[in-house]
C-alpha atoms as a PDB file:
ATOM      1  CA  MET A   1      26.128 -45.182 127.571  1.00  0.00           C
ATOM      2  CA  MET A   2      24.529 -42.913 124.821  1.00  0.00           C
ATOM      3  CA  LEU A   3      26.540 -42.344 121.707  1.00  0.00           C
ATOM      4  CA  SER A   4      26.832 -38.522 120.990  1.00  0.00           C
ATOM      5  CA  SER A   5      25.738 -37.431 117.643  1.00  0.00           C
ATOM      6  CA  ARG A   6      28.624 -34.720 117.639  1.00  0.00           C
ATOM      7  CA  TYR A   7      32.326 -35.325 118.344  1.00  0.00           C
ATOM      8  CA  LEU A   8      33.948 -33.022 120.875  1.00  0.00           C
ATOM      9  CA  ASP A   9      35.079 -29.744 118.724  1.00  0.00           C
ATOM     10  CA  PHE A  10      33.849 -31.275 115.468  1.00  0.00           C
ATOM     11  CA  GLU A  11      31.406 -28.702 113.849  1.00  0.00           C
ATOM     12  CA  TYR A  12      29.497 -31.548 112.188  1.00  0.00           C
ATOM     13  CA  ASP A  13      26.790 -33.828 113.459  1.00  0.00           C
ATOM     14  CA  ALA A  14      27.296 -37.531 112.371  1.00  0.00           C
ATOM     15  CA  SER A  15      24.008 -37.579 110.380  1.00  0.00           C
ATOM     16  CA  GLN A  16      25.555 -35.058 108.011  1.00  0.00           C
ATOM     17  CA  LEU A  17      28.385 -37.409 107.036  1.00  0.00           C
ATOM     18  CA  ILE A  18      28.535 -39.932 104.429  1.00  0.00           C
ATOM     19  CA  LYS A  19      32.147 -41.279 104.081  1.00  0.00           C
ATOM     20  CA  PHE A  20      35.625 -40.407 105.230  1.00  0.00           C
ATOM     21  CA  ILE A  21      39.338 -41.345 104.502  1.00  0.00           C
ATOM     22  CA  ALA A  22      42.125 -40.971 107.046  1.00  0.00           C
ATOM     23  CA  ALA A  23      45.884 -40.394 106.442  1.00  0.00           C
ATOM     24  CA  GLY A  24      47.620 -40.468 109.897  1.00  0.00           C
ATOM     25  CA  ASP A  25      45.835 -37.843 111.994  1.00  0.00           C
ATOM     26  CA  PHE A  26      44.130 -36.033 108.986  1.00  0.00           C
ATOM     27  CA  PHE A  27      40.487 -36.864 108.045  1.00  0.00           C
ATOM     28  CA  SER A  28      38.741 -35.915 104.733  1.00  0.00           C
ATOM     29  CA  CYS A  29      34.908 -36.284 105.244  1.00  0.00           C
ATOM     30  CA  MET A  30      32.045 -36.098 102.459  1.00  0.00           C
ATOM     31  CA  LEU A  31      28.847 -34.339 103.639  1.00  0.00           C
ATOM     32  CA  LYS A  32      25.721 -35.258 102.341  1.00  0.00           C
ATOM     33  CA  THR A  33      25.551 -32.134 100.513  1.00  0.00           C
ATOM     34  CA  GLY A  34      28.619 -33.326  98.542  1.00  0.00           C
ATOM     35  CA  ASP A  35      30.923 -30.928 100.143  1.00  0.00           C
ATOM     36  CA  ILE A  36      34.543 -32.179 101.331  1.00  0.00           C
ATOM     37  CA  ILE A  37      35.763 -31.207 104.850  1.00  0.00           C
ATOM     38  CA  HIS A  38      38.974 -31.564 106.407  1.00  0.00           C
ATOM     39  CA  TYR A  39      39.606 -32.336 110.238  1.00  0.00           C
ATOM     40  CA  THR A  40      42.637 -32.916 112.301  1.00  0.00           C
ATOM     41  CA  PRO A  41      41.445 -34.172 115.789  1.00  0.00           C
ATOM     42  CA  THR A  42      43.395 -34.156 118.936  1.00  0.00           C
ATOM     43  CA  ASN A  43      42.892 -37.851 119.318  1.00  0.00           C
ATOM     44  CA  PRO A  44      42.614 -39.442 115.866  1.00  0.00           C
ATOM     45  CA  ASP A  45      41.841 -43.079 117.270  1.00  0.00           C
ATOM     46  CA  LEU A  46      38.932 -41.776 119.322  1.00  0.00           C
ATOM     47  CA  PHE A  47      37.663 -39.744 116.359  1.00  0.00           C
ATOM     48  CA  LEU A  48      37.848 -42.866 114.243  1.00  0.00           C
ATOM     49  CA  GLN A  49      36.067 -44.982 116.771  1.00  0.00           C
ATOM     50  CA  TRP A  50      33.339 -42.274 116.662  1.00  0.00           C
ATOM     51  CA  LEU A  51      33.044 -42.310 113.013  1.00  0.00           C
ATOM     52  CA  VAL A  52      32.868 -46.169 112.940  1.00  0.00           C
ATOM     53  CA  ALA A  53      30.208 -46.364 115.710  1.00  0.00           C
ATOM     54  CA  HIS A  54      27.925 -44.017 113.678  1.00  0.00           C
ATOM     55  CA  ASP A  55      28.530 -46.257 110.642  1.00  0.00           C
ATOM     56  CA  ILE A  56      30.222 -43.720 108.471  1.00  0.00           C
ATOM     57  CA  GLU A  57      31.626 -45.240 105.368  1.00  0.00           C
ATOM     58  CA  ASN A  58      35.510 -45.757 105.412  1.00  0.00           C
ATOM     59  CA  ILE A  59      36.781 -45.007 101.832  1.00  0.00           C
ATOM     60  CA  ARG A  60      39.926 -46.654 102.472  1.00  0.00           C
ATOM     61  CA  ARG A  61      38.316 -49.967 103.490  1.00  0.00           C
ATOM     62  CA  ILE A  62      36.176 -50.066 100.289  1.00  0.00           C
ATOM     63  CA  GLU A  63      39.237 -49.641  98.117  1.00  0.00           C
ATOM     64  CA  ARG A  64      40.898 -52.450  99.908  1.00  0.00           C
ATOM     65  CA  ASP A  65      37.925 -54.741  99.520  1.00  0.00           C
ATOM     66  CA  THR A  66      37.647 -53.833  95.849  1.00  0.00           C
ATOM     67  CA  PHE A  67      41.140 -54.652  94.933  1.00  0.00           C
ATOM     68  CA  ASN A  68      41.747 -57.858  96.897  1.00  0.00           C
END
């Protein structure tokens, strides 16, 4: 199965994203342009899997690794 560069109704391509942080079902993503966008997917777990599959950096994970 081929991984789609687009996620359902999310208007950005994975190649446009640099990093993200999630709070519950609310995601804030940084674009390569430096803009921050917000998105609330209908299925947060599936969206998170899509981000991880595209190697988009999880800011929360970096914070946890830095302070441990």
